[in-house]
Protein backbone atom coordinates (compact mmCIF):
# COMPACT_ATOMS: atom_id res chain seq x y z
CA UNK A 1 164.56 126.01 66.92
CA UNK A 2 161.93 127.61 68.73
CA UNK A 3 161.95 124.95 71.32
CA UNK A 4 165.84 125.06 71.74
CA UNK A 5 165.76 128.91 71.80
CA UNK A 6 163.05 128.19 74.53
CA UNK A 7 165.03 126.00 76.47
CA UNK A 8 168.08 128.37 76.17
CA UNK A 9 166.34 131.24 77.21
CA UNK A 10 165.08 129.23 80.75
CA UNK A 11 168.29 128.25 81.21
CA UNK A 12 169.55 131.63 81.31
CA UNK A 13 166.96 133.27 83.38
CA UNK A 14 167.32 130.04 86.00
CA UNK A 15 170.86 130.43 85.87
CA UNK A 16 170.69 134.12 86.39
CA UNK A 17 168.04 133.51 89.76
CA UNK A 18 170.51 130.93 91.20
CA UNK A 19 173.74 133.24 90.97
CA UNK A 20 171.39 135.89 92.50
CA UNK A 21 170.45 133.73 95.41
CA UNK A 22 173.86 132.28 95.87
CA UNK A 23 175.50 136.00 96.14
CA UNK A 24 172.80 136.95 98.78
CA UNK A 25 173.45 133.89 101.09
CA UNK A 26 177.28 133.90 100.43
CA UNK A 27 177.35 137.84 101.50
CA UNK A 28 175.08 137.51 104.86
CA UNK A 29 178.43 135.50 105.81
CA UNK A 30 181.55 135.39 104.19
CA UNK A 31 182.47 139.35 104.49
CA UNK A 32 182.42 138.74 108.20
CA UNK A 33 184.20 136.01 108.93
CA UNK A 34 187.46 137.72 109.71
CA UNK A 35 185.68 139.58 112.32
CA UNK A 36 184.06 136.86 113.70
CA UNK A 37 187.46 135.14 113.81
CA UNK A 38 189.11 138.18 115.46
CA UNK A 39 186.27 138.05 117.98
CA UNK A 40 187.54 134.60 118.76
CA UNK A 41 191.04 135.59 119.59
CA UNK A 42 192.43 134.40 115.92
CA UNK A 43 196.42 134.48 115.87
CA UNK A 44 198.73 135.11 112.60
CA UNK A 45 198.65 131.41 112.07
CA UNK A 46 194.82 131.22 112.48
CA UNK A 47 194.14 133.77 109.99
CA UNK A 48 196.61 131.54 107.41
CA UNK A 49 194.87 128.01 108.22
CA UNK A 50 191.28 129.61 107.37
CA UNK A 51 192.62 129.60 103.74
CA UNK A 52 194.93 126.84 103.91
CA UNK A 53 193.02 124.36 105.68
CA UNK A 54 190.18 125.14 103.35
CA UNK A 55 192.59 124.49 100.12
CA UNK A 56 194.18 121.10 101.68
CA UNK A 57 190.23 119.71 102.34
CA UNK A 58 189.54 120.79 98.67
CA UNK A 59 192.52 118.66 96.92
CA UNK A 60 191.42 115.71 98.71
CA UNK A 61 187.81 115.99 98.20
CA UNK A 62 187.57 117.89 94.75
CA UNK A 63 188.97 115.46 92.20
CA UNK A 64 187.91 111.89 93.65
CA UNK A 65 184.41 113.37 94.27
CA UNK A 66 184.22 114.88 90.80
CA UNK A 67 184.71 111.56 89.21
CA UNK A 68 182.32 109.78 91.25
CA UNK A 69 179.80 112.44 90.54
CA UNK A 70 180.74 111.91 86.84
CA UNK A 71 180.07 108.01 86.74
CA UNK A 72 176.09 109.30 87.28
CA UNK A 73 173.90 110.26 84.89
CA UNK A 74 171.52 112.31 86.58
CA UNK A 75 174.01 114.61 88.17
CA UNK A 76 171.75 117.80 88.87
CA UNK A 77 169.87 115.92 91.76
CA UNK A 78 173.57 115.00 93.41
CA UNK A 79 174.90 118.68 92.87
CA UNK A 80 171.61 119.71 94.37
CA UNK A 81 171.97 117.92 97.64
CA UNK A 82 175.92 118.59 97.89
CA UNK A 83 174.80 122.93 97.71
CA UNK A 84 172.48 122.05 100.44
CA UNK A 85 174.99 120.40 102.34
CA UNK A 86 177.78 122.85 102.00
CA UNK A 87 175.82 125.84 102.98
CA UNK A 88 174.98 123.49 106.05
CA UNK A 89 178.39 124.01 106.80
CA UNK A 90 177.69 127.74 107.21
CA UNK A 91 174.50 127.26 108.86
CA UNK A 92 176.68 125.49 112.24
CA UNK A 93 177.75 128.69 112.46
CA UNK A 94 175.05 129.34 114.37
CA UNK A 95 176.17 127.54 117.23
CA UNK A 96 179.69 128.37 117.21
CA UNK A 97 179.41 130.99 120.30
CA UNK A 98 178.20 128.00 122.32
CA UNK A 99 181.05 126.02 121.22
CA UNK A 100 183.34 126.55 124.48
CA UNK A 101 185.95 123.68 123.84
CA UNK A 102 187.72 125.42 120.99
CA UNK A 103 185.46 127.75 118.80
CA UNK A 104 188.69 128.99 116.26
CA UNK A 105 189.04 125.59 115.54
CA UNK A 106 185.60 124.89 114.64
CA UNK A 107 185.37 127.92 112.49
CA UNK A 108 188.32 126.73 110.79
CA UNK A 109 186.54 123.36 110.11
CA UNK A 110 183.49 125.02 109.20
CA UNK A 111 184.76 127.30 106.74
CA UNK A 112 186.96 124.39 105.01
CA UNK A 113 183.79 121.79 104.79
CA UNK A 114 181.84 124.59 103.23
CA UNK A 115 184.77 125.75 100.98
CA UNK A 116 186.07 122.30 99.81
CA UNK A 117 182.20 121.09 98.92
CA UNK A 118 181.47 124.23 97.60
CA UNK A 119 184.49 123.74 95.06
CA UNK A 120 183.13 120.32 93.89
CA UNK A 121 179.72 122.47 93.38
CA UNK A 122 181.54 124.89 90.93
CA UNK A 123 183.51 121.93 88.85
CA UNK A 124 179.94 120.55 88.30
CA UNK A 125 178.45 123.96 87.48
CA UNK A 126 181.58 124.94 85.27
CA UNK A 127 181.28 121.67 83.41
CA UNK A 128 177.33 122.04 82.94
CA UNK A 129 177.32 125.99 81.79
CA UNK A 130 179.87 124.25 79.40
CA UNK A 131 176.85 122.14 77.92
CA UNK A 132 173.42 124.69 78.52
CA UNK A 133 175.17 127.65 77.58
CA UNK A 134 176.47 127.94 73.79
CA UNK A 135 179.99 129.67 73.26
CA UNK A 136 178.48 132.58 71.20
CA UNK A 137 176.66 133.35 74.60
CA UNK A 138 178.79 132.70 77.21
CA UNK A 139 180.34 136.13 77.33
CA UNK A 140 177.31 138.10 77.62
CA UNK A 141 175.39 135.66 79.92
CA UNK A 142 177.92 135.51 82.80
CA UNK A 143 178.37 139.44 82.40
CA UNK A 144 174.97 139.68 82.95
CA UNK A 145 174.64 137.29 85.70
CA UNK A 146 177.93 138.44 87.68
CA UNK A 147 176.48 141.89 87.24
CA UNK A 148 173.04 141.04 89.47
CA UNK A 149 175.52 138.74 91.73
CA UNK A 150 177.35 142.26 92.38
CA UNK A 151 174.60 144.36 93.27
CA UNK A 152 172.37 141.91 95.19
CA UNK A 153 175.87 141.18 97.42
CA UNK A 154 176.42 144.76 97.45
CA UNK A 155 173.20 145.52 99.33
CA UNK A 156 173.27 142.20 101.32
CA UNK A 157 176.77 142.73 102.47
CA UNK A 158 175.76 146.41 103.57
CA UNK A 159 172.35 145.47 105.53
CA UNK A 160 174.47 142.54 106.96
CA UNK A 161 177.12 144.30 108.24
CA UNK A 162 174.80 147.37 109.89
CA UNK A 163 172.54 144.89 111.57
CA UNK A 164 175.32 142.37 112.96
CA UNK A 165 176.75 145.73 114.33
CA UNK A 166 173.35 146.80 115.42
CA UNK A 167 172.45 143.66 117.27
CA UNK A 168 174.02 142.52 120.30
CA UNK A 169 176.80 139.66 120.21
CA UNK A 170 176.30 136.55 119.03
CA UNK A 171 172.91 137.69 117.87
CA UNK A 172 173.92 139.59 114.54
CA UNK A 173 175.90 136.63 113.39
CA UNK A 174 173.85 134.38 113.75
CA UNK A 175 170.47 136.30 112.57
CA UNK A 176 172.80 136.45 109.22
CA UNK A 177 173.26 132.71 109.08
CA UNK A 178 169.91 131.83 109.32
CA UNK A 179 168.94 134.30 106.55
CA UNK A 180 171.86 133.23 104.43
CA UNK A 181 170.70 129.39 104.87
CA UNK A 182 167.37 130.54 103.66
CA UNK A 183 168.85 132.15 100.41
CA UNK A 184 170.75 128.71 100.12
CA UNK A 185 167.51 126.98 99.41
CA UNK A 186 166.17 129.22 97.18
CA UNK A 187 169.66 128.81 95.43
CA UNK A 188 169.17 125.02 94.93
CA UNK A 189 165.49 125.26 93.79
CA UNK A 190 166.70 127.68 90.61
CA UNK A 191 170.11 124.96 90.28
CA UNK A 192 167.08 122.09 89.88
CA UNK A 193 165.28 123.82 87.33
CA UNK A 194 168.42 123.78 84.92
CA UNK A 195 167.67 121.73 81.92
CA UNK A 196 170.49 119.48 81.20
CA UNK A 197 170.28 117.99 77.63
CA UNK A 198 172.18 114.94 78.01
CA UNK A 199 170.41 113.97 81.34
CA UNK A 200 167.00 114.25 79.47
CA UNK A 201 167.95 111.91 77.14
CA UNK A 202 169.22 109.14 80.02
CA UNK A 203 166.02 107.14 79.38
CA UNK A 204 167.13 106.31 75.85
CA UNK A 205 170.87 106.01 76.55
CA UNK A 206 170.15 103.58 79.43
CA UNK A 207 167.78 101.57 77.57
CA UNK A 208 170.32 101.36 74.54
CA UNK A 209 173.33 100.58 77.07
CA UNK A 210 171.37 97.19 78.28
CA UNK A 211 170.96 95.79 75.19
CA UNK A 212 174.78 96.12 74.52
CA UNK A 213 175.67 95.39 78.10
CA UNK A 214 178.15 92.27 78.23
CA UNK A 215 177.58 88.80 80.87
CA UNK A 216 179.26 89.07 84.22
CA UNK A 217 181.76 86.42 82.95
CA UNK A 218 182.81 88.40 79.87
CA UNK A 219 183.25 91.47 82.25
CA UNK A 220 184.71 89.95 84.91
CA UNK A 221 187.54 88.47 82.17
CA UNK A 222 188.00 91.65 80.81
CA UNK A 223 188.56 93.47 83.76
CA UNK A 224 191.23 90.65 84.36
CA UNK A 225 193.04 90.83 81.44
CA UNK A 226 193.03 94.63 81.56
CA UNK A 227 194.55 94.65 85.25
CA UNK A 228 197.25 92.61 83.53
CA UNK A 229 198.29 94.20 81.20
CA UNK A 230 198.26 97.52 83.17
CA UNK A 231 200.21 95.41 85.53
CA UNK A 232 202.68 94.53 83.36
CA UNK A 233 202.88 97.97 81.20
CA UNK A 234 202.73 100.61 83.79
CA UNK A 235 205.08 103.15 82.94
CA UNK A 236 205.27 106.51 85.70
CA UNK A 237 205.80 108.90 82.66
CA UNK A 238 202.85 107.70 80.78
CA UNK A 239 200.48 107.88 83.70
CA UNK A 240 201.54 111.53 84.46
CA UNK A 241 201.03 112.12 80.78
CA UNK A 242 197.62 110.29 80.56
CA UNK A 243 196.29 112.62 83.83
CA UNK A 244 196.97 115.48 81.56
CA UNK A 245 195.42 114.04 78.44
CA UNK A 246 192.03 114.96 79.86
CA UNK A 247 192.74 118.92 78.92
CA UNK A 248 193.62 117.71 75.75
CA UNK A 249 197.39 118.32 75.31
CA UNK A 250 200.24 121.00 75.86
CA UNK A 251 197.52 124.25 75.96
CA UNK A 252 196.14 123.07 78.82
CA UNK A 253 199.01 121.73 80.50
CA UNK A 254 200.46 125.33 80.19
CA UNK A 255 197.52 126.97 81.05
CA UNK A 256 197.27 124.89 84.49
CA UNK A 257 201.02 125.72 84.81
CA UNK A 258 200.33 129.56 84.82
CA UNK A 259 197.08 129.54 86.65
CA UNK A 260 198.63 127.47 89.42
CA UNK A 261 201.85 129.96 89.95
CA UNK A 262 199.48 132.88 89.81
CA UNK A 263 197.08 131.57 92.60
CA UNK A 264 200.07 131.37 94.58
CA UNK A 265 200.95 134.77 94.43
CA UNK A 266 197.10 135.79 94.11
CA UNK A 267 196.32 134.02 97.58
CA UNK A 268 199.32 134.69 99.06
CA UNK A 269 198.07 138.25 100.52
CA UNK A 270 194.90 136.94 101.42
CA UNK A 271 195.35 136.30 104.99
CA UNK A 272 197.71 139.52 105.13
CA UNK A 273 194.60 141.63 103.88
CA UNK A 274 192.09 140.01 106.68
CA UNK A 275 194.94 140.53 109.54
CA UNK A 276 195.17 144.28 108.62
CA UNK A 277 191.79 145.11 108.49
CA UNK A 278 190.83 142.76 111.47
CA UNK A 279 193.69 143.39 113.92
CA UNK A 280 195.89 146.62 112.51
CA UNK A 281 192.62 148.97 111.44
CA UNK A 282 190.24 147.52 113.94
CA UNK A 283 187.29 147.31 111.10
CA UNK A 284 183.67 146.72 112.31
CA UNK A 285 181.39 144.82 110.68
CA UNK A 286 179.94 148.00 109.15
CA UNK A 287 183.26 149.21 107.45
CA UNK A 288 183.70 145.57 106.10
CA UNK A 289 180.38 145.52 104.70
CA UNK A 290 181.26 149.21 103.30
CA UNK A 291 184.37 147.68 101.82
CA UNK A 292 182.46 144.67 100.45
CA UNK A 293 180.06 147.13 98.66
CA UNK A 294 182.88 149.29 97.41
CA UNK A 295 184.19 145.75 95.83
CA UNK A 296 181.33 144.80 94.36
CA UNK A 297 180.62 148.68 93.01
CA UNK A 298 184.11 147.90 91.12
CA UNK A 299 182.87 144.69 89.56
CA UNK A 300 180.06 145.91 88.57
CA UNK A 301 181.62 149.06 86.49
CA UNK A 302 184.14 146.38 85.00
CA UNK A 303 182.17 143.25 83.85
CA UNK A 304 180.62 144.44 80.45
CA UNK A 305 184.19 146.18 79.88
CA UNK A 306 185.95 143.11 80.09
CA UNK A 307 183.68 141.62 78.31
CA UNK A 308 183.61 143.40 74.89
CA UNK A 309 187.56 143.25 75.67
CA UNK A 310 187.17 139.35 75.38
CA UNK A 311 184.87 139.78 72.80
CA UNK A 312 187.54 141.78 70.90
CA UNK A 313 191.01 140.38 71.88
CA UNK A 314 189.76 136.45 72.94
CA UNK A 315 189.12 135.51 76.50
CA UNK A 316 193.80 134.46 76.52
CA UNK A 317 194.55 137.92 75.87
CA UNK A 318 191.84 139.12 78.57
CA UNK A 319 193.21 136.91 81.22
CA UNK A 320 196.45 138.29 80.47
CA UNK A 321 195.42 141.77 81.06
CA UNK A 322 193.33 141.02 84.11
CA UNK A 323 195.80 139.37 85.73
CA UNK A 324 198.65 142.09 85.18
CA UNK A 325 196.05 144.65 86.68
CA UNK A 326 195.41 142.62 89.52
CA UNK A 327 199.47 142.17 90.39
CA UNK A 328 199.84 145.55 90.52
CA UNK A 329 197.17 146.26 93.49
CA UNK A 330 199.46 144.85 95.95
CA UNK A 331 201.81 147.80 95.12
CA UNK A 332 199.34 149.79 96.21
CA UNK A 333 198.23 148.03 99.44
CA UNK A 334 201.98 149.14 100.50
CA UNK A 335 200.10 152.23 102.03
CA UNK A 336 197.09 151.61 104.04
CA UNK A 337 196.56 154.00 107.08
CA UNK A 338 193.01 153.68 107.20
CA UNK A 339 189.75 152.34 105.95
CA UNK A 340 189.68 154.85 103.51
CA UNK A 341 192.77 153.82 101.75
CA UNK A 342 191.52 149.92 102.02
CA UNK A 343 187.66 151.05 100.36
CA UNK A 344 190.01 152.57 97.39
CA UNK A 345 192.11 149.70 97.17
CA UNK A 346 189.36 147.12 97.12
CA UNK A 347 187.03 148.86 94.44
CA UNK A 348 190.37 148.61 92.35
CA UNK A 349 190.63 145.47 93.47
CA UNK A 350 187.25 144.34 92.40
CA UNK A 351 187.30 146.04 89.22
CA UNK A 352 190.14 144.06 88.01
CA UNK A 353 189.40 140.91 89.61
CA UNK A 354 186.07 140.20 87.91
CA UNK A 355 187.64 140.35 84.51
CA UNK A 356 190.29 137.96 86.10
CA UNK A 357 187.52 135.29 87.12
CA UNK A 358 185.17 135.67 84.36
CA UNK A 359 188.10 135.89 81.69
CA UNK A 360 190.08 132.47 82.71
CA UNK A 361 186.43 130.35 83.57
CA UNK A 362 185.52 131.19 79.65
CA UNK A 363 189.13 130.19 78.75
CA UNK A 364 188.78 127.26 80.89
CA UNK A 365 185.86 126.33 78.88
CA UNK A 366 187.66 127.20 75.38
CA UNK A 367 190.46 124.88 75.47
CA UNK A 368 189.16 121.96 77.53
CA UNK A 369 187.94 119.26 75.52
CA UNK A 370 183.82 118.65 75.57
CA UNK A 371 184.29 115.18 76.19
CA UNK A 372 186.63 115.26 79.22
CA UNK A 373 185.34 118.60 80.44
CA UNK A 374 184.45 117.55 83.81
CA UNK A 375 187.52 115.84 84.73
CA UNK A 376 189.74 118.26 83.11
CA UNK A 377 188.01 121.43 85.37
CA UNK A 378 188.72 118.85 88.12
CA UNK A 379 192.27 118.54 87.58
CA UNK A 380 192.44 122.39 87.03
CA UNK A 381 190.94 123.00 90.29
CA UNK A 382 193.45 120.69 92.09
CA UNK A 383 196.37 122.33 90.92
CA UNK A 384 195.14 125.33 91.36
CA UNK A 385 194.53 124.53 95.47
CA UNK A 386 197.35 123.07 95.79
CA UNK A 387 198.84 126.82 95.61
CA UNK A 388 195.91 127.72 97.79
CA UNK A 389 197.50 125.20 100.32
CA UNK A 390 200.89 126.67 100.82
CA UNK A 391 200.14 130.03 99.45
CA UNK A 392 198.72 131.85 103.01
CA UNK A 393 201.22 129.86 104.92
CA UNK A 394 204.01 131.46 102.97
CA UNK A 395 202.34 134.89 102.81
CA UNK A 396 201.67 135.06 106.75
CA UNK A 397 205.58 134.02 107.14
CA UNK A 398 206.35 136.45 104.98
CA UNK A 399 204.94 138.93 106.82
CA UNK A 400 206.22 137.89 109.98
CA UNK A 401 209.66 137.92 108.54
CA UNK A 402 210.29 141.10 106.39
CA UNK A 403 207.37 143.19 107.57
CA UNK A 404 204.00 144.43 105.47
CA UNK A 405 205.36 146.60 102.66
CA UNK A 406 208.24 144.33 101.47
CA UNK A 407 205.63 141.60 101.65
CA UNK A 408 203.35 143.27 99.55
CA UNK A 409 206.00 143.97 96.90
CA UNK A 410 206.94 140.53 97.05
CA UNK A 411 203.95 139.16 96.23
CA UNK A 412 203.20 141.84 93.67
CA UNK A 413 206.10 140.92 91.70
CA UNK A 414 205.49 137.25 91.58
CA UNK A 415 201.83 138.26 89.96
CA UNK A 416 203.12 140.46 87.58
CA UNK A 417 205.91 137.12 86.47
CA UNK A 418 202.79 135.07 86.60
CA UNK A 419 200.85 137.41 84.05
CA UNK A 420 203.30 137.14 81.60
CA UNK A 421 203.60 133.84 81.94
CA UNK A 422 199.90 134.04 80.55
CA UNK A 423 201.22 135.95 77.43
CA UNK A 424 204.13 133.97 76.46
CA UNK A 425 201.59 130.91 76.13
CA UNK A 426 199.29 132.80 73.84
CA UNK A 427 202.08 133.43 71.29
CA UNK A 428 202.19 132.14 67.77
CA UNK A 429 205.90 130.75 68.51
CA UNK A 430 205.04 128.65 71.57
CA UNK A 431 201.37 127.30 69.70
CA UNK A 432 204.27 126.34 66.76
CA UNK A 433 206.75 124.83 68.78
CA UNK A 434 204.28 123.07 70.94
CA UNK A 435 202.39 121.44 68.42
CA UNK A 436 205.42 120.42 66.62
CA UNK A 437 206.47 119.03 70.28
CA UNK A 438 203.16 116.89 70.08
CA UNK A 439 203.75 115.44 66.84
CA UNK A 440 207.08 114.09 67.36
């Protein structure tokens, strides 16, 4: 028992340090992407593509990559390599000022490659956390991790923004990129220190499987028979149900549907926010770092409160409450004449976003069956990214067609509808009806 507790304490510690290192590397670069895009002459369409193209690449990569990684028993080493590869794409931003052919296209490509590989990492990370962190510890552990991520991210963004503005272009951006990549090396090292019980037992499992391994002829014959049966009995409806079967049934399907709708409304506003800050309010890198800091302060104040709400009312209700609060924020943004107003709105946004991201992650771990957790999380991520492909494009088109204030009002209204859907799937009557339909 003592050894189990010792391993758990080590995993919690290394998970915390991994998050801190990730936050440092992330906040040296990501908050300043919109300003860099503006310097490179980004159009409205370019701002939308900075969100949509990463989502397209994520859809194409996440599910097959996660399924491929799932076939290996020693997955931690593979994910460590993917972490370094992902961060290397951001490191290549160092050379962007010297890319004269089409620098904005190169920026979109590198951000897309980073985002897609980072999503693969996130899916594997979530699956591993479901194994190494018991459910009774999760709210507290991830609240603490998110707290320190917020603190380090806040300090990093403030220092980076000040440094970028006080160094001649492009040296400020290049210094930030290099420091961010160095932090990613530390991030990878702490990730590699995590102890995964299923991987530590791999030796015994492999030896056992070798004893039971069938001959090549038997394997080939079984594969032919299986293929013939599948070709004779293929049914599109059954295939569709099998895809969602990894989630354990209707609760997972309804959760994915609500999350997909909400993600669409959530991300539709992102390129509009970037456009407003960079092109309308002409924010400097220092102002962008201050904006990141106030958002982080909101998150820091909120993590513990949302965790306590989840402990009392459950993660499902917390998803509804936080998504409803986040749905109200676009209405605030209808009046944003200066960055001072943006600071206030992003403080509120940081406060409610922390609760939404924390609770929806824990809720996903609750409803995804342990034996199929990785493909279930991959499927959920893929569906969410389908929304992420179209949402930024639709958001910018909405901004072009009906102007800023009506577009914010429309997006906020859709968010509220999606938040109510999160509540409806929690109602006991709904659960009873769903259970009855599954038993028929």
